[in-house]
Amino acid sequence: MIKAIKFFLVSKILSLNSFSMAIVFYLMSIKFNFVVYDNQISDTWLNIINFAILLLIMILFSWLSLCMAKNWIATNDTVIIKQIKPLESVAMPTYIGLFVISLGISSFDCIVAMEILSLLFIFWVFFERVFYFNPIWIFFCYRFYQIESEQGNSFTFITKRIDIKNRINIELHNLKRINNFTFLEVNND
């Protein structure tokens, strides 16, 4: 029972983590201020400080979600890869569209904008087949691949391995199953 609760919690935190960049862009677009404005800081410096604070929060949240995924998910699956290709080119257009939407709703009332973001997050959770993708994880040296197993199943594979896109018949061990379509490799950290 506790294992199932941890698994559910981690998958939802990873969903929120992958979606949170849209929230950050929305907060940036409405000039949400963490720093109290007292007319002694110019608007430019205020924006830089707020951006730095948001970026640090995002990096910390991304790192914590990775740690939770590595340590709280108990499965150790194995997959033999028949085909592999990079996933960034598939996921980035979705992120760009999400960022454009979050920048576009900044002209709405804050309540309406939060309702739209909440609705987008619900869609994100229900249709997240491959979108645990988080651009900040790239800075942690993680790569995202779409793999096809010997049985013909397609999965998202998150790893620190470098350039494995042209290799076939690789047997992957110590995989943490985030959901039915996503694996995180933990032995190459």
Protein backbone atom coordinates (compact mmCIF):
# COMPACT_ATOMS: atom_id res chain seq x y z
CA MET A 1 0.00 0.00 0.00
CA ILE A 2 2.78 2.46 0.91
CA LYS A 3 4.64 1.51 -2.27
CA ALA A 4 1.55 2.35 -4.36
CA ILE A 5 1.12 5.69 -2.58
CA LYS A 6 4.79 6.58 -3.16
CA PHE A 7 4.51 5.58 -6.83
CA PHE A 8 1.39 7.71 -7.29
CA LEU A 9 2.94 10.66 -5.44
CA VAL A 10 6.17 10.53 -7.45
CA SER A 11 4.36 10.33 -10.79
CA LYS A 12 2.20 13.36 -9.93
CA ILE A 13 5.20 15.35 -8.64
CA LEU A 14 7.04 14.56 -11.89
CA SER A 15 3.97 15.72 -13.82
CA LEU A 16 3.88 18.97 -11.85
CA ASN A 17 7.61 19.36 -12.33
CA SER A 18 7.39 18.98 -16.09
CA PHE A 19 4.42 21.40 -16.21
CA SER A 20 5.86 23.94 -13.77
CA MET A 21 7.86 25.73 -16.46
CA ALA A 22 4.51 26.96 -17.85
CA ILE A 23 3.68 28.38 -14.42
CA VAL A 24 7.07 30.10 -14.28
CA PHE A 25 6.53 31.69 -17.69
CA TYR A 26 3.09 32.88 -16.59
CA LEU A 27 4.53 34.41 -13.41
CA MET A 28 7.27 36.08 -15.43
CA SER A 29 4.75 37.48 -17.90
CA ILE A 30 2.64 39.11 -15.18
CA LYS A 31 5.79 40.46 -13.49
CA PHE A 32 5.17 38.51 -10.30
CA ASN A 33 7.60 39.90 -7.74
CA PHE A 34 9.27 37.93 -4.97
CA VAL A 35 11.30 41.00 -4.04
CA VAL A 36 9.50 43.90 -2.37
CA TYR A 37 9.71 46.90 -4.64
CA ASP A 38 10.80 49.96 -2.68
CA ASN A 39 11.83 52.35 -5.52
CA GLN A 40 15.50 51.72 -4.71
CA ILE A 41 15.79 48.86 -7.19
CA SER A 42 15.35 49.60 -10.87
CA ASP A 43 12.76 47.59 -12.80
CA THR A 44 15.50 45.85 -14.76
CA TRP A 45 17.30 44.65 -11.65
CA LEU A 46 14.00 43.68 -10.05
CA ASN A 47 13.17 41.52 -13.09
CA ILE A 48 16.64 39.93 -13.04
CA ILE A 49 16.39 39.11 -9.33
CA ASN A 50 12.89 37.66 -9.72
CA PHE A 51 13.99 35.59 -12.72
CA ALA A 52 16.99 34.27 -10.74
CA ILE A 53 14.75 33.32 -7.80
CA LEU A 54 12.29 31.52 -10.10
CA LEU A 55 15.14 29.74 -11.87
CA LEU A 56 16.65 28.58 -8.57
CA ILE A 57 13.25 27.31 -7.41
CA MET A 58 12.83 25.42 -10.70
CA ILE A 59 16.28 23.86 -10.49
CA LEU A 60 15.72 22.81 -6.87
CA PHE A 61 12.27 21.38 -7.65
CA SER A 62 13.67 19.49 -10.66
CA TRP A 63 16.53 18.05 -8.60
CA LEU A 64 14.17 17.01 -5.79
CA SER A 65 11.76 15.32 -8.21
CA LEU A 66 14.65 13.35 -9.73
CA CYS A 67 15.81 12.27 -6.27
CA MET A 68 12.30 11.16 -5.39
CA ALA A 69 11.97 9.17 -8.62
CA LYS A 70 15.30 7.42 -8.05
CA ASN A 71 14.73 6.60 -4.39
CA TRP A 72 10.98 6.11 -3.95
CA ILE A 73 10.17 3.93 -6.95
CA ALA A 74 11.01 0.36 -6.06
CA THR A 75 10.79 -1.36 -9.46
CA ASN A 76 13.92 -2.56 -11.19
CA ASP A 77 12.84 -3.42 -14.72
CA THR A 78 14.86 -4.67 -17.67
CA VAL A 79 14.18 -3.87 -21.33
CA ILE A 80 15.93 -5.04 -24.49
CA ILE A 81 15.94 -2.22 -27.05
CA LYS A 82 15.13 -2.96 -30.67
CA GLN A 83 15.11 0.68 -31.81
CA ILE A 84 16.02 4.00 -30.16
CA LYS A 85 15.79 7.66 -31.18
CA PRO A 86 16.13 11.02 -29.39
CA LEU A 87 12.93 12.47 -27.95
CA GLU A 88 13.85 16.14 -27.48
CA SER A 89 12.72 17.08 -31.01
CA VAL A 90 9.27 15.61 -30.29
CA ALA A 91 8.84 17.13 -26.82
CA MET A 92 10.17 20.65 -27.38
CA PRO A 93 7.35 21.79 -29.74
CA THR A 94 4.84 20.80 -27.07
CA TYR A 95 6.74 22.89 -24.53
CA ILE A 96 6.97 25.84 -26.87
CA GLY A 97 3.20 25.69 -27.40
CA LEU A 98 2.64 25.49 -23.65
CA PHE A 99 4.91 28.49 -23.06
CA VAL A 100 3.10 30.53 -25.71
CA ILE A 101 -0.23 29.73 -24.04
CA SER A 102 1.09 30.66 -20.58
CA LEU A 103 2.46 33.96 -21.93
CA GLY A 104 -0.80 34.62 -23.76
CA ILE A 105 -3.04 34.21 -20.72
CA SER A 106 -1.19 36.93 -18.82
CA SER A 107 -3.69 39.47 -20.19
CA PHE A 108 -6.56 37.66 -18.44
CA ASP A 109 -7.70 38.23 -14.89
CA CYS A 110 -5.51 36.28 -12.43
CA ILE A 111 -8.38 33.97 -11.39
CA VAL A 112 -9.25 33.14 -15.00
CA ALA A 113 -5.58 32.58 -15.82
CA MET A 114 -5.21 30.19 -12.86
CA GLU A 115 -8.33 28.32 -13.98
CA ILE A 116 -6.85 27.95 -17.49
CA LEU A 117 -3.50 26.78 -16.08
CA SER A 118 -5.32 24.30 -13.82
CA LEU A 119 -7.28 22.95 -16.76
CA LEU A 120 -4.09 22.66 -18.81
CA PHE A 121 -2.44 20.82 -15.94
CA ILE A 122 -5.34 18.35 -15.75
CA PHE A 123 -4.97 17.69 -19.49
CA TRP A 124 -1.21 17.41 -19.00
CA VAL A 125 -1.64 14.72 -16.33
CA PHE A 126 -4.16 12.69 -18.31
CA PHE A 127 -2.27 12.85 -21.61
CA GLU A 128 1.30 12.63 -20.33
CA ARG A 129 2.44 9.58 -22.23
CA VAL A 130 5.92 11.00 -22.83
CA PHE A 131 5.85 14.38 -21.22
CA TYR A 132 7.77 13.87 -18.03
CA PHE A 133 10.28 15.68 -20.21
CA ASN A 134 11.75 18.63 -18.34
CA PRO A 135 14.26 20.90 -20.11
CA ILE A 136 16.05 21.55 -16.79
CA TRP A 137 16.95 17.84 -16.60
CA ILE A 138 19.13 18.38 -19.68
CA PHE A 139 21.35 20.57 -17.49
CA PHE A 140 21.63 17.62 -15.09
CA CYS A 141 23.05 15.66 -18.08
CA TYR A 142 19.91 13.58 -18.68
CA ARG A 143 18.91 12.59 -22.19
CA PHE A 144 15.47 11.56 -23.38
CA TYR A 145 14.96 8.77 -25.89
CA GLN A 146 12.03 7.00 -27.43
CA ILE A 147 12.76 3.27 -27.40
CA GLU A 148 11.02 0.30 -28.90
CA SER A 149 11.35 -3.02 -27.10
CA GLU A 150 11.71 -6.43 -28.72
CA GLN A 151 7.98 -6.95 -28.18
CA GLY A 152 7.19 -3.79 -30.19
CA ASN A 153 6.20 -1.60 -27.22
CA SER A 154 7.24 2.05 -27.31
CA PHE A 155 8.61 3.78 -24.19
CA THR A 156 10.29 6.97 -23.05
CA PHE A 157 13.78 6.28 -21.71
CA ILE A 158 15.50 8.87 -19.48
CA THR A 159 19.21 8.31 -18.94
CA LYS A 160 22.59 9.95 -18.44
CA ARG A 161 24.13 7.81 -21.18
CA ILE A 162 25.56 9.85 -24.01
CA ASP A 163 24.64 9.26 -27.64
CA ILE A 164 23.10 5.81 -27.72
CA LYS A 165 20.69 6.64 -30.53
CA ASN A 166 22.26 4.36 -33.16
CA ARG A 167 22.70 1.25 -31.03
CA ILE A 168 20.34 -1.70 -31.10
CA ASN A 169 19.86 -4.81 -29.00
CA ILE A 170 20.97 -3.08 -25.81
CA GLU A 171 19.78 -4.68 -22.60
CA LEU A 172 18.90 -2.04 -20.03
CA HIS A 173 18.93 -2.91 -16.33
CA ASN A 174 18.00 -1.04 -13.14
CA LEU A 175 15.19 0.94 -14.72
CA LYS A 176 12.70 2.75 -12.53
CA ARG A 177 9.24 2.54 -14.11
CA ILE A 178 7.64 5.95 -13.68
CA ASN A 179 4.49 4.90 -15.53
CA ASN A 180 3.59 2.30 -18.16
CA PHE A 181 5.38 4.32 -20.83
CA THR A 182 8.39 5.89 -19.05
CA PHE A 183 11.61 4.48 -17.57
CA LEU A 184 14.36 6.28 -15.66
CA GLU A 185 17.79 4.64 -15.65
CA VAL A 186 19.54 5.03 -12.31
CA ASN A 187 22.76 3.04 -12.55
CA ASN A 188 24.67 5.55 -14.70
CA ASP A 189 24.58 8.46 -12.22
